[in-house]
Amino acid sequence: MLSRNEKRLTRQRRTRAGNVGTAKRPRVSLFKSQSIMNVQLIDDEKGTTLVFGDSKKESEPSGDESGKKFDIASCERLGEKLAKDAIKKGINEVVFDRSGYRYHGKIKAVADGLRKGGLKL
């Protein structure tokens, strides 16, 4: 029996086969854990990261011990900030790679934030 993470990695490999990023249209790659979300724009031809952001920088302080709150609103702000940084670098269009996660909740919020920021998915 495969674990939940192994199943996600299988889905990730299957979907990533069709999503290849270029310099003009980089791939938006996501990683989500219980405490943070990392998002990066990747040029797969060169193997370089063009823009990077994480939810810790976009979170608002809360009453928990870490001092950060990881929620849907912070994910949407993360998408908007990433879109603005990408537009500054001359990137207007991206390929969205959800990394095997369901297009729901925080993943969808990042995509909506990217669209709000001016990127075309």
Protein backbone atom coordinates (compact mmCIF):
# COMPACT_ATOMS: atom_id res chain seq x y z
CA MET A 1 0.00 0.00 0.00
CA LEU A 2 1.39 3.37 -1.00
CA SER A 3 1.46 6.23 1.48
CA ARG A 4 -0.31 9.50 0.78
CA ASN A 5 2.97 11.23 -0.09
CA GLU A 6 4.02 8.41 -2.45
CA LYS A 7 0.70 8.71 -4.27
CA ARG A 8 1.22 12.47 -4.57
CA LEU A 9 4.71 11.96 -6.00
CA THR A 10 3.28 9.55 -8.58
CA ARG A 11 0.70 12.15 -9.61
CA GLN A 12 3.45 14.79 -9.64
CA ARG A 13 5.61 12.79 -12.06
CA ARG A 14 2.63 12.10 -14.33
CA THR A 15 1.50 15.75 -14.54
CA ARG A 16 5.03 17.19 -14.73
CA ALA A 17 5.72 15.16 -17.89
CA GLY A 18 3.44 17.56 -19.82
CA ASN A 19 4.41 20.76 -17.99
CA VAL A 20 7.78 22.00 -19.18
CA GLY A 21 8.89 25.54 -18.38
CA THR A 22 10.87 27.75 -20.74
CA ALA A 23 12.47 31.16 -20.28
CA LYS A 24 9.45 32.88 -21.87
CA ARG A 25 6.88 30.67 -20.12
CA PRO A 26 8.35 29.25 -16.87
CA ARG A 27 6.78 26.55 -14.75
CA VAL A 28 5.22 27.55 -11.41
CA SER A 29 6.18 24.79 -8.97
CA LEU A 30 4.52 24.46 -5.55
CA PHE A 31 5.50 22.70 -2.36
CA LYS A 32 3.11 22.63 0.57
CA SER A 33 3.71 21.37 4.09
CA GLN A 34 1.68 21.90 7.23
CA SER A 35 3.52 25.07 8.13
CA ILE A 36 4.72 26.68 4.87
CA MET A 37 4.18 26.88 1.12
CA ASN A 38 7.06 27.44 -1.30
CA VAL A 39 6.39 28.68 -4.83
CA GLN A 40 9.00 29.15 -7.53
CA LEU A 41 9.11 29.95 -11.23
CA ILE A 42 11.48 27.53 -12.96
CA ASP A 43 13.11 27.59 -16.39
CA ASP A 44 13.43 23.86 -17.09
CA GLU A 45 15.63 24.35 -20.16
CA LYS A 46 18.42 25.93 -18.08
CA GLY A 47 17.44 24.31 -14.78
CA THR A 48 17.29 27.64 -12.94
CA THR A 49 14.84 29.27 -10.56
CA LEU A 50 13.77 32.69 -11.82
CA VAL A 51 11.53 33.86 -8.94
CA PHE A 52 11.00 32.35 -5.46
CA GLY A 53 8.64 33.07 -2.59
CA ASP A 54 7.31 31.39 0.53
CA SER A 55 4.29 31.89 2.75
CA LYS A 56 6.31 32.80 5.86
CA LYS A 57 7.17 36.17 4.38
CA GLU A 58 3.53 36.81 3.45
CA SER A 59 1.95 35.65 6.72
CA GLU A 60 0.51 37.94 9.35
CA PRO A 61 1.48 37.43 13.01
CA SER A 62 -0.95 35.39 15.06
CA GLY A 63 -1.14 34.05 18.58
CA ASP A 64 0.56 30.71 17.91
CA GLU A 65 4.08 29.84 19.02
CA SER A 66 5.67 30.28 15.59
CA GLY A 67 4.33 33.81 15.23
CA LYS A 68 3.07 33.11 11.71
CA LYS A 69 -0.34 32.19 10.35
CA PHE A 70 -0.43 30.01 7.21
CA ASP A 71 -3.86 30.43 5.64
CA ILE A 72 -5.59 30.91 2.30
CA ALA A 73 -5.26 34.70 2.42
CA SER A 74 -1.48 34.50 2.87
CA CYS A 75 -1.30 32.06 -0.08
CA GLU A 76 -3.20 34.51 -2.27
CA ARG A 77 -0.88 37.36 -1.22
CA LEU A 78 2.07 35.10 -2.02
CA GLY A 79 0.70 34.55 -5.54
CA GLU A 80 0.20 38.28 -6.08
CA LYS A 81 3.72 39.11 -4.87
CA LEU A 82 5.23 36.41 -7.08
CA ALA A 83 3.29 37.71 -10.09
CA LYS A 84 4.59 41.25 -9.52
CA ASP A 85 8.18 39.97 -9.23
CA ALA A 86 7.74 37.93 -12.43
CA ILE A 87 6.34 40.89 -14.36
CA LYS A 88 9.34 42.98 -13.27
CA LYS A 89 11.55 40.31 -14.89
CA GLY A 90 9.48 40.42 -18.11
CA ILE A 91 7.46 37.23 -17.56
CA ASN A 92 3.76 37.51 -18.45
CA GLU A 93 2.75 33.88 -18.99
CA VAL A 94 3.44 30.73 -16.91
CA VAL A 95 2.68 27.01 -16.82
CA PHE A 96 0.99 26.03 -13.53
CA ASP A 97 2.33 22.82 -11.94
CA ARG A 98 0.29 21.87 -8.89
CA SER A 99 2.86 19.17 -7.90
CA GLY A 100 0.27 16.42 -7.43
CA TYR A 101 -1.84 18.40 -4.95
CA ARG A 102 -5.56 18.87 -5.54
CA TYR A 103 -6.51 22.17 -7.17
CA HIS A 104 -8.37 23.26 -4.06
CA GLY A 105 -7.97 25.60 -1.11
CA LYS A 106 -4.43 26.97 -0.73
CA ILE A 107 -3.25 25.72 -4.14
CA LYS A 108 -6.20 27.44 -5.82
CA ALA A 109 -5.54 30.60 -3.77
CA VAL A 110 -1.97 30.81 -5.10
CA ALA A 111 -3.25 30.40 -8.68
CA ASP A 112 -5.88 33.10 -8.10
CA GLY A 113 -3.22 35.40 -6.66
CA LEU A 114 -1.02 34.85 -9.72
CA ARG A 115 -3.95 35.79 -11.96
CA LYS A 116 -4.77 38.84 -9.81
CA GLY A 117 -1.15 39.95 -10.05
CA GLY A 118 -1.36 39.95 -13.85
CA LEU A 119 0.07 36.61 -14.98
CA LYS A 120 -1.64 34.41 -17.54
CA LEU A 121 -1.84 30.74 -16.53
